[in-house]
C-alpha atoms as a PDB file:
ATOM      1  CA  MET A   1     -14.708 -78.475  -0.413  1.00  0.00           C
ATOM      2  CA  MET A   2     -12.802 -75.791  -2.298  1.00  0.00           C
ATOM      3  CA  ARG A   3     -12.324 -72.352  -0.935  1.00  0.00           C
ATOM      4  CA  ARG A   4     -12.632 -69.310  -3.089  1.00  0.00           C
ATOM      5  CA  ARG A   5      -9.733 -67.013  -3.383  1.00  0.00           C
ATOM      6  CA  GLY A   6      -9.980 -63.244  -3.669  1.00  0.00           C
ATOM      7  CA  MET A   7     -13.030 -61.057  -3.968  1.00  0.00           C
ATOM      8  CA  GLY A   8     -14.606 -62.662  -6.954  1.00  0.00           C
ATOM      9  CA  VAL A   9     -16.250 -60.930  -9.877  1.00  0.00           C
ATOM     10  CA  ILE A  10     -18.799 -58.972  -7.885  1.00  0.00           C
ATOM     11  CA  GLY A  11     -16.257 -57.720  -5.364  1.00  0.00           C
ATOM     12  CA  THR A  12     -13.947 -56.571  -8.152  1.00  0.00           C
ATOM     13  CA  ALA A  13     -16.802 -54.752  -9.878  1.00  0.00           C
ATOM     14  CA  VAL A  14     -17.636 -52.943  -6.647  1.00  0.00           C
ATOM     15  CA  VAL A  15     -14.051 -51.814  -6.150  1.00  0.00           C
ATOM     16  CA  VAL A  16     -13.672 -50.664  -9.768  1.00  0.00           C
ATOM     17  CA  GLY A  17     -17.031 -48.896  -9.682  1.00  0.00           C
ATOM     18  CA  GLY A  18     -16.123 -47.130  -6.449  1.00  0.00           C
ATOM     19  CA  ALA A  19     -12.787 -46.028  -7.851  1.00  0.00           C
ATOM     20  CA  ALA A  20     -14.448 -44.737 -11.017  1.00  0.00           C
ATOM     21  CA  HIS A  21     -17.011 -42.826  -8.968  1.00  0.00           C
ATOM     22  CA  TYR A  22     -14.313 -41.308  -6.763  1.00  0.00           C
ATOM     23  CA  GLY A  23     -12.229 -40.315  -9.783  1.00  0.00           C
ATOM     24  CA  THR A  24     -15.207 -38.679 -11.496  1.00  0.00           C
ATOM     25  CA  LYS A  25     -16.141 -36.863  -8.305  1.00  0.00           C
ATOM     26  CA  LYS A  26     -12.609 -35.461  -7.949  1.00  0.00           C
ATOM     27  CA  ALA A  27     -12.540 -34.426 -11.627  1.00  0.00           C
ATOM     28  CA  ASN A  28     -15.860 -32.619 -11.223  1.00  0.00           C
ATOM     29  CA  GLN A  29     -14.607 -30.858  -8.097  1.00  0.00           C
ATOM     30  CA  ALA A  30     -11.449 -29.755  -9.917  1.00  0.00           C
ATOM     31  CA  ALA A  31     -13.479 -28.480 -12.869  1.00  0.00           C
ATOM     32  CA  ALA A  32     -15.805 -26.566 -10.539  1.00  0.00           C
ATOM     33  CA  SER A  33     -12.837 -25.096  -8.693  1.00  0.00           C
ATOM     34  CA  GLN A  34     -11.232 -24.014 -11.949  1.00  0.00           C
ATOM     35  CA  GLU A  35     -14.503 -22.499 -13.160  1.00  0.00           C
ATOM     36  CA  GLN A  36     -14.825 -20.552  -9.901  1.00  0.00           C
ATOM     37  CA  ALA A  37     -11.258 -19.275 -10.275  1.00  0.00           C
ATOM     38  CA  GLN A  38     -11.957 -18.160 -13.836  1.00  0.00           C
ATOM     39  CA  GLN A  39     -15.166 -16.445 -12.747  1.00  0.00           C
ATOM     40  CA  ALA A  40     -13.332 -14.659  -9.930  1.00  0.00           C
ATOM     41  CA  ALA A  41     -10.604 -13.513 -12.335  1.00  0.00           C
ATOM     42  CA  TYR A  42     -13.247 -12.250 -14.769  1.00  0.00           C
ATOM     43  CA  GLU A  43     -15.028 -10.347 -12.005  1.00  0.00           C
ATOM     44  CA  GLN A  44     -11.736  -8.823 -10.808  1.00  0.00           C
ATOM     45  CA  GLY A  45     -10.932  -7.723 -14.336  1.00  0.00           C
ATOM     46  CA  LEU A  46     -14.393  -6.258 -14.730  1.00  0.00           C
ATOM     47  CA  ALA A  47     -14.112  -4.425 -11.419  1.00  0.00           C
ATOM     48  CA  ALA A  48     -10.699  -3.061 -12.379  1.00  0.00           C
ATOM     49  CA  ALA A  49     -12.043  -1.851 -15.726  1.00  0.00           C
ATOM     50  CA  GLN A  50     -14.976  -0.154 -13.990  1.00  0.00           C
ATOM     51  CA  GLN A  51     -12.652   1.522 -11.486  1.00  0.00           C
ATOM     52  CA  GLN A  52     -10.384   2.700 -14.265  1.00  0.00           C
ATOM     53  CA  ALA A  53     -13.352   4.077 -16.196  1.00  0.00           C
ATOM     54  CA  ALA A  54     -14.654   5.814 -13.075  1.00  0.00           C
ATOM     55  CA  ALA A  55     -11.240   7.195 -12.183  1.00  0.00           C
ATOM     56  CA  ALA A  56     -10.602   8.544 -15.664  1.00  0.00           C
ATOM     57  CA  PRO A  57     -11.512  12.204 -15.664  1.00  0.00           C
ATOM     58  CA  ALA A  58     -14.329  13.130 -17.945  1.00  0.00           C
ATOM     59  CA  PRO A  59     -13.218  15.207 -20.882  1.00  0.00           C
ATOM     60  CA  ALA A  60     -13.247  18.752 -19.670  1.00  0.00           C
ATOM     61  CA  GLU A  61     -15.756  20.803 -21.506  1.00  0.00           C
ATOM     62  CA  ASP A  62     -14.363  24.169 -22.381  1.00  0.00           C
ATOM     63  CA  ASP A  63     -15.615  26.715 -19.944  1.00  0.00           C
ATOM     64  CA  PRO A  64     -16.637  29.722 -22.033  1.00  0.00           C
ATOM     65  CA  MET A  65     -15.507  32.182 -19.369  1.00  0.00           C
ATOM     66  CA  ALA A  66     -12.089  30.544 -19.085  1.00  0.00           C
ATOM     67  CA  GLU A  67     -11.766  30.692 -22.858  1.00  0.00           C
ATOM     68  CA  VAL A  68     -12.735  34.374 -22.906  1.00  0.00           C
ATOM     69  CA  GLN A  69     -10.209  35.114 -20.148  1.00  0.00           C
ATOM     70  CA  LYS A  70      -7.507  33.363 -22.152  1.00  0.00           C
ATOM     71  CA  LEU A  71      -8.462  35.347 -25.221  1.00  0.00           C
ATOM     72  CA  ALA A  72      -8.456  38.582 -23.201  1.00  0.00           C
ATOM     73  CA  GLN A  73      -4.923  37.861 -21.999  1.00  0.00           C
ATOM     74  CA  MET A  74      -3.820  37.195 -25.580  1.00  0.00           C
ATOM     75  CA  HIS A  75      -5.510  40.441 -26.683  1.00  0.00           C
ATOM     76  CA  ALA A  76      -3.850  42.392 -23.871  1.00  0.00           C
ATOM     77  CA  ALA A  77      -0.467  40.903 -24.833  1.00  0.00           C
ATOM     78  CA  GLY A  78      -0.984  42.062 -28.412  1.00  0.00           C
ATOM     79  CA  ILE A  79      -1.253  38.572 -29.893  1.00  0.00           C
ATOM     80  CA  LEU A  80      -4.854  39.148 -31.059  1.00  0.00           C
ATOM     81  CA  THR A  81      -6.205  42.207 -32.797  1.00  0.00           C
ATOM     82  CA  ASP A  82      -9.506  43.771 -31.756  1.00  0.00           C
ATOM     83  CA  ASP A  83     -11.359  42.065 -34.617  1.00  0.00           C
ATOM     84  CA  GLU A  84      -9.749  38.658 -33.907  1.00  0.00           C
ATOM     85  CA  PHE A  85     -10.564  38.980 -30.221  1.00  0.00           C
ATOM     86  CA  ALA A  86     -14.207  39.895 -30.942  1.00  0.00           C
ATOM     87  CA  ALA A  87     -14.617  36.992 -33.370  1.00  0.00           C
ATOM     88  CA  ALA A  88     -12.993  34.452 -31.014  1.00  0.00           C
ATOM     89  CA  LYS A  89     -15.033  35.742 -28.066  1.00  0.00           C
ATOM     90  CA  ALA A  90     -18.280  35.398 -30.014  1.00  0.00           C
ATOM     91  CA  LYS A  91     -17.304  31.875 -31.046  1.00  0.00           C
ATOM     92  CA  ALA A  92     -16.399  30.870 -27.459  1.00  0.00           C
ATOM     93  CA  LEU A  93     -19.684  32.252 -26.120  1.00  0.00           C
ATOM     94  CA  GLY A  94     -21.685  30.653 -28.941  1.00  0.00           C
ATOM     95  CA  ILE A  95     -22.990  33.952 -30.220  1.00  0.00           C
END
């Protein structure tokens, strides 16, 4: 009687199928890992942008009293005439 050598067709198919499955599983794990890294980088960038936006001072709205004080100093220094001071003060106060 003759003895068979090797695994035969079915044994080879099992080995190849197992290797293919393992390779696909590793590729999927690598893709998932890369996707997680990209998501983390996106979230870090988003968080940094939000912090930068929060840290940026809001544009200072002109305080009418500060503007009037500045105008008064300019008037006292002789830079503004009485009429110029009155007109600028009315504009600053919204009158």
